N, C-alpha and C. Protein backbone atom coordinates (compact mmCIF):
# COMPACT_ATOMS: atom_id res chain seq x y z
N MET A 1 0.85 -1.17 0.00
CA MET A 1 0.00 0.00 0.00
C MET A 1 0.89 1.23 0.00
N ASN A 2 0.62 2.16 -0.86
CA ASN A 2 1.41 3.38 -0.96
C ASN A 2 0.67 4.52 -0.26
N ILE A 3 1.28 5.10 0.75
CA ILE A 3 0.68 6.18 1.51
C ILE A 3 1.51 7.43 1.28
N SER A 4 0.89 8.49 0.84
CA SER A 4 1.63 9.75 0.75
C SER A 4 1.44 10.48 2.07
N ARG A 5 2.19 11.54 2.27
CA ARG A 5 2.12 12.21 3.56
C ARG A 5 0.86 13.03 3.74
N THR A 6 0.02 13.17 2.72
CA THR A 6 -1.16 14.02 2.87
C THR A 6 -2.48 13.32 2.63
N ASN A 7 -2.50 12.03 2.37
CA ASN A 7 -3.79 11.43 2.03
C ASN A 7 -4.09 10.10 2.71
N ALA A 8 -3.64 9.91 3.93
CA ALA A 8 -4.02 8.69 4.65
C ALA A 8 -5.53 8.72 4.85
N GLY A 9 -6.17 7.57 4.68
CA GLY A 9 -7.62 7.48 4.82
C GLY A 9 -8.00 6.37 5.78
N LYS A 10 -9.31 6.15 5.91
CA LYS A 10 -9.81 5.12 6.83
C LYS A 10 -9.13 3.78 6.64
N ALA A 11 -8.95 3.38 5.40
CA ALA A 11 -8.36 2.08 5.10
C ALA A 11 -6.91 1.98 5.56
N SER A 12 -6.27 3.11 5.80
CA SER A 12 -4.87 3.12 6.23
C SER A 12 -4.72 2.83 7.72
N LEU A 13 -5.80 2.99 8.48
CA LEU A 13 -5.73 2.81 9.93
C LEU A 13 -5.79 1.34 10.31
N HIS A 14 -5.05 1.00 11.34
CA HIS A 14 -4.90 -0.38 11.78
C HIS A 14 -5.93 -0.78 12.84
N TYR A 15 -6.44 0.20 13.60
CA TYR A 15 -7.33 -0.07 14.72
C TYR A 15 -8.76 0.38 14.40
N ASN A 16 -9.70 -0.05 15.22
CA ASN A 16 -11.10 0.35 15.05
C ASN A 16 -11.35 1.65 15.80
N TYR A 17 -12.15 2.52 15.19
CA TYR A 17 -12.45 3.82 15.76
C TYR A 17 -13.93 4.11 15.64
N LYS A 18 -14.38 5.08 16.46
CA LYS A 18 -15.72 5.64 16.29
C LYS A 18 -15.61 6.62 15.13
N TRP A 19 -16.65 6.71 14.34
CA TRP A 19 -16.65 7.64 13.21
C TRP A 19 -17.79 8.64 13.37
N GLN A 20 -17.82 9.30 14.52
CA GLN A 20 -18.84 10.31 14.82
C GLN A 20 -18.52 11.60 14.07
N HIS A 21 -19.57 12.25 13.63
CA HIS A 21 -19.36 13.51 12.94
C HIS A 21 -19.70 14.71 13.82
N GLY A 22 -20.37 14.49 14.93
CA GLY A 22 -20.76 15.61 15.78
C GLY A 22 -19.66 16.15 16.65
N LYS A 23 -18.73 15.30 17.04
CA LYS A 23 -17.67 15.72 17.96
C LYS A 23 -16.30 15.49 17.33
N THR A 24 -16.12 15.97 16.14
CA THR A 24 -14.85 15.76 15.47
C THR A 24 -14.45 17.02 14.74
N ILE A 25 -13.20 17.08 14.35
CA ILE A 25 -12.70 18.21 13.60
C ILE A 25 -12.79 17.84 12.12
N LEU A 26 -13.96 18.07 11.52
CA LEU A 26 -14.12 17.73 10.12
C LEU A 26 -13.29 18.65 9.24
N THR A 27 -13.17 19.89 9.64
CA THR A 27 -12.30 20.84 8.96
C THR A 27 -11.31 21.34 10.00
N PRO A 28 -10.23 20.58 10.22
CA PRO A 28 -9.31 20.93 11.31
C PRO A 28 -8.64 22.28 11.06
N THR A 29 -8.45 23.00 12.14
CA THR A 29 -7.77 24.29 12.04
C THR A 29 -6.27 24.13 12.18
N HIS A 30 -5.84 23.02 12.72
CA HIS A 30 -4.44 22.76 13.03
C HIS A 30 -3.91 23.74 14.06
N MET A 31 -4.79 24.24 14.90
CA MET A 31 -4.41 25.12 15.99
C MET A 31 -3.88 24.26 17.13
N GLU A 32 -2.99 24.82 17.92
CA GLU A 32 -2.39 24.05 19.01
C GLU A 32 -3.42 23.58 20.03
N ASN A 33 -4.52 24.32 20.20
CA ASN A 33 -5.51 23.94 21.20
C ASN A 33 -6.64 23.09 20.65
N ASP A 34 -6.53 22.62 19.39
CA ASP A 34 -7.53 21.70 18.83
C ASP A 34 -7.67 20.48 19.74
N PHE A 35 -8.90 20.14 20.12
CA PHE A 35 -9.16 18.93 20.90
C PHE A 35 -9.05 17.74 19.97
N ILE A 36 -8.28 16.75 20.35
CA ILE A 36 -8.11 15.52 19.57
C ILE A 36 -8.65 14.37 20.39
N ASP A 37 -9.71 13.73 19.89
CA ASP A 37 -10.28 12.55 20.52
C ASP A 37 -9.65 11.34 19.83
N VAL A 38 -8.74 10.66 20.52
CA VAL A 38 -8.01 9.55 19.89
C VAL A 38 -8.85 8.29 19.74
N THR A 39 -10.11 8.33 20.15
CA THR A 39 -11.02 7.22 19.86
C THR A 39 -11.86 7.51 18.62
N ASN A 40 -11.76 8.72 18.09
CA ASN A 40 -12.53 9.14 16.91
C ASN A 40 -11.64 9.05 15.67
N GLY A 41 -12.04 8.25 14.72
CA GLY A 41 -11.24 8.01 13.53
C GLY A 41 -10.93 9.27 12.74
N ASN A 42 -11.90 10.18 12.63
CA ASN A 42 -11.64 11.42 11.89
C ASN A 42 -10.57 12.26 12.57
N ASP A 43 -10.63 12.36 13.90
CA ASP A 43 -9.61 13.12 14.63
C ASP A 43 -8.23 12.48 14.48
N VAL A 44 -8.18 11.15 14.57
CA VAL A 44 -6.91 10.43 14.43
C VAL A 44 -6.33 10.65 13.03
N LEU A 45 -7.15 10.52 12.00
CA LEU A 45 -6.68 10.75 10.63
C LEU A 45 -6.18 12.18 10.45
N ASN A 46 -6.95 13.14 10.95
CA ASN A 46 -6.54 14.54 10.83
C ASN A 46 -5.21 14.77 11.53
N PHE A 47 -5.06 14.21 12.74
CA PHE A 47 -3.81 14.39 13.47
C PHE A 47 -2.65 13.74 12.72
N ILE A 48 -2.82 12.49 12.31
CA ILE A 48 -1.74 11.76 11.63
C ILE A 48 -1.34 12.47 10.34
N ASN A 49 -2.31 12.90 9.56
CA ASN A 49 -1.99 13.58 8.31
C ASN A 49 -1.24 14.89 8.55
N HIS A 50 -1.69 15.67 9.53
CA HIS A 50 -1.01 16.94 9.82
C HIS A 50 0.38 16.69 10.38
N PHE A 51 0.50 15.76 11.33
CA PHE A 51 1.79 15.44 11.94
C PHE A 51 2.76 14.93 10.87
N SER A 52 2.29 14.06 9.99
CA SER A 52 3.13 13.50 8.93
C SER A 52 3.63 14.59 7.98
N LYS A 53 2.75 15.48 7.62
CA LYS A 53 3.14 16.59 6.72
C LYS A 53 4.14 17.50 7.41
N GLN A 54 3.88 17.82 8.66
CA GLN A 54 4.75 18.69 9.45
C GLN A 54 6.17 18.13 9.58
N HIS A 55 6.28 16.82 9.66
CA HIS A 55 7.56 16.16 9.92
C HIS A 55 8.11 15.40 8.70
N ASN A 56 7.53 15.63 7.54
CA ASN A 56 7.96 14.96 6.30
C ASN A 56 8.01 13.44 6.43
N LEU A 57 7.00 12.88 7.06
CA LEU A 57 6.91 11.43 7.21
C LEU A 57 6.14 10.86 6.04
N ILE A 58 6.70 9.86 5.41
CA ILE A 58 6.06 9.24 4.26
C ILE A 58 6.09 7.73 4.47
N GLY A 59 4.99 7.07 4.18
CA GLY A 59 4.97 5.62 4.18
C GLY A 59 4.15 5.02 5.29
N LEU A 60 3.80 3.79 5.08
CA LEU A 60 2.94 3.04 5.99
C LEU A 60 3.58 2.86 7.37
N ASN A 61 4.88 2.62 7.44
CA ASN A 61 5.53 2.41 8.73
C ASN A 61 5.43 3.65 9.62
N SER A 62 5.61 4.83 9.04
CA SER A 62 5.50 6.06 9.82
C SER A 62 4.06 6.28 10.30
N LEU A 63 3.09 6.04 9.41
CA LEU A 63 1.69 6.17 9.80
C LEU A 63 1.38 5.22 10.95
N LYS A 64 1.80 3.98 10.83
CA LYS A 64 1.54 2.99 11.88
C LYS A 64 2.25 3.36 13.18
N ARG A 65 3.41 3.95 13.08
CA ARG A 65 4.14 4.36 14.28
C ARG A 65 3.35 5.42 15.04
N VAL A 66 2.87 6.43 14.33
CA VAL A 66 2.08 7.47 14.98
C VAL A 66 0.80 6.86 15.55
N GLU A 67 0.12 6.06 14.77
CA GLU A 67 -1.13 5.45 15.23
C GLU A 67 -0.91 4.58 16.47
N ASP A 68 0.14 3.76 16.47
CA ASP A 68 0.42 2.90 17.63
C ASP A 68 0.74 3.73 18.87
N LEU A 69 1.50 4.80 18.69
CA LEU A 69 1.80 5.66 19.84
C LEU A 69 0.51 6.25 20.42
N LEU A 70 -0.38 6.71 19.55
CA LEU A 70 -1.65 7.27 20.00
C LEU A 70 -2.53 6.21 20.65
N HIS A 71 -2.60 5.07 20.03
CA HIS A 71 -3.53 4.02 20.46
C HIS A 71 -3.08 3.30 21.74
N HIS A 72 -1.79 3.03 21.86
CA HIS A 72 -1.31 2.20 22.97
C HIS A 72 -0.60 2.95 24.09
N HIS A 73 -0.02 4.09 23.80
CA HIS A 73 0.91 4.68 24.78
C HIS A 73 0.61 6.11 25.20
N LEU A 74 -0.18 6.84 24.46
CA LEU A 74 -0.46 8.24 24.79
C LEU A 74 -1.18 8.33 26.13
N PRO A 75 -0.66 9.13 27.06
CA PRO A 75 -1.35 9.30 28.34
C PRO A 75 -2.76 9.87 28.13
N ILE A 76 -3.70 9.38 28.90
CA ILE A 76 -5.10 9.74 28.73
C ILE A 76 -5.36 11.23 28.97
N ASN A 77 -4.52 11.89 29.74
CA ASN A 77 -4.74 13.30 30.06
C ASN A 77 -4.28 14.26 28.95
N LEU A 78 -3.68 13.73 27.88
CA LEU A 78 -3.27 14.58 26.76
C LEU A 78 -4.36 14.55 25.70
N ASN A 79 -4.90 15.72 25.35
CA ASN A 79 -6.01 15.74 24.41
C ASN A 79 -6.04 16.96 23.49
N ASN A 80 -4.95 17.73 23.45
CA ASN A 80 -4.92 18.82 22.47
C ASN A 80 -3.73 18.63 21.54
N ARG A 81 -3.81 19.24 20.37
CA ARG A 81 -2.81 19.04 19.33
C ARG A 81 -1.39 19.35 19.83
N LYS A 82 -1.23 20.44 20.54
CA LYS A 82 0.09 20.84 21.00
C LYS A 82 0.71 19.79 21.92
N ASP A 83 -0.04 19.36 22.91
CA ASP A 83 0.49 18.38 23.88
C ASP A 83 0.72 17.02 23.24
N ILE A 84 -0.20 16.58 22.38
CA ILE A 84 -0.04 15.29 21.73
C ILE A 84 1.14 15.31 20.77
N THR A 85 1.28 16.38 20.00
CA THR A 85 2.41 16.51 19.08
C THR A 85 3.72 16.47 19.83
N SER A 86 3.81 17.22 20.91
CA SER A 86 5.02 17.25 21.73
C SER A 86 5.34 15.86 22.28
N TRP A 87 4.32 15.16 22.77
CA TRP A 87 4.52 13.83 23.34
C TRP A 87 4.98 12.84 22.27
N VAL A 88 4.36 12.85 21.10
CA VAL A 88 4.74 11.93 20.02
C VAL A 88 6.18 12.20 19.60
N ARG A 89 6.56 13.48 19.45
CA ARG A 89 7.95 13.81 19.10
C ARG A 89 8.92 13.25 20.15
N LYS A 90 8.60 13.48 21.41
CA LYS A 90 9.48 13.06 22.51
C LYS A 90 9.62 11.54 22.57
N HIS A 91 8.56 10.81 22.24
CA HIS A 91 8.57 9.36 22.39
C HIS A 91 8.72 8.59 21.07
N TRP A 92 9.03 9.29 20.00
CA TRP A 92 9.15 8.65 18.69
C TRP A 92 10.12 7.46 18.71
N ASP A 93 11.25 7.60 19.37
CA ASP A 93 12.27 6.55 19.39
C ASP A 93 12.22 5.67 20.63
N THR A 94 11.23 5.86 21.48
CA THR A 94 11.11 5.04 22.68
C THR A 94 10.82 3.61 22.29
N ARG A 95 11.48 2.67 22.96
CA ARG A 95 11.41 1.26 22.58
C ARG A 95 10.23 0.49 23.13
N PHE A 96 9.19 1.17 23.67
CA PHE A 96 8.01 0.40 24.07
C PHE A 96 7.20 0.00 22.85
N TYR A 97 7.63 0.40 21.71
CA TYR A 97 6.95 0.11 20.44
C TYR A 97 7.42 -1.20 19.86
N LYS A 98 6.47 -2.05 19.50
CA LYS A 98 6.78 -3.29 18.82
C LYS A 98 6.46 -3.09 17.34
N PRO A 99 7.44 -3.18 16.45
CA PRO A 99 7.20 -2.92 15.02
C PRO A 99 6.09 -3.80 14.43
N VAL A 100 5.27 -3.20 13.60
CA VAL A 100 4.21 -3.92 12.89
C VAL A 100 4.82 -4.50 11.63
N ARG A 101 4.57 -5.77 11.39
CA ARG A 101 5.16 -6.41 10.20
C ARG A 101 4.12 -6.73 9.19
């Protein structure tokens, strides 16, 4: 599967998510205080796409890395773009991650 840094979609995600439209950023502002619900597929896609573009990440492995960090390791008290972005950057190379094959 070929993933560009700007067009990851539902099929690119590895985990199951809620796909609510009432409590999601359908047109994300990419503001630091944007609320990100990591159980909502639209919010996760928006975050991953923006983070990937911001950091020049290309490919399925990078997408899965961000998704796994959000899904398995992100502290529950982090819920805005600024804090989540900072946490993902800080923990990108942390070895609690098991590579997806």
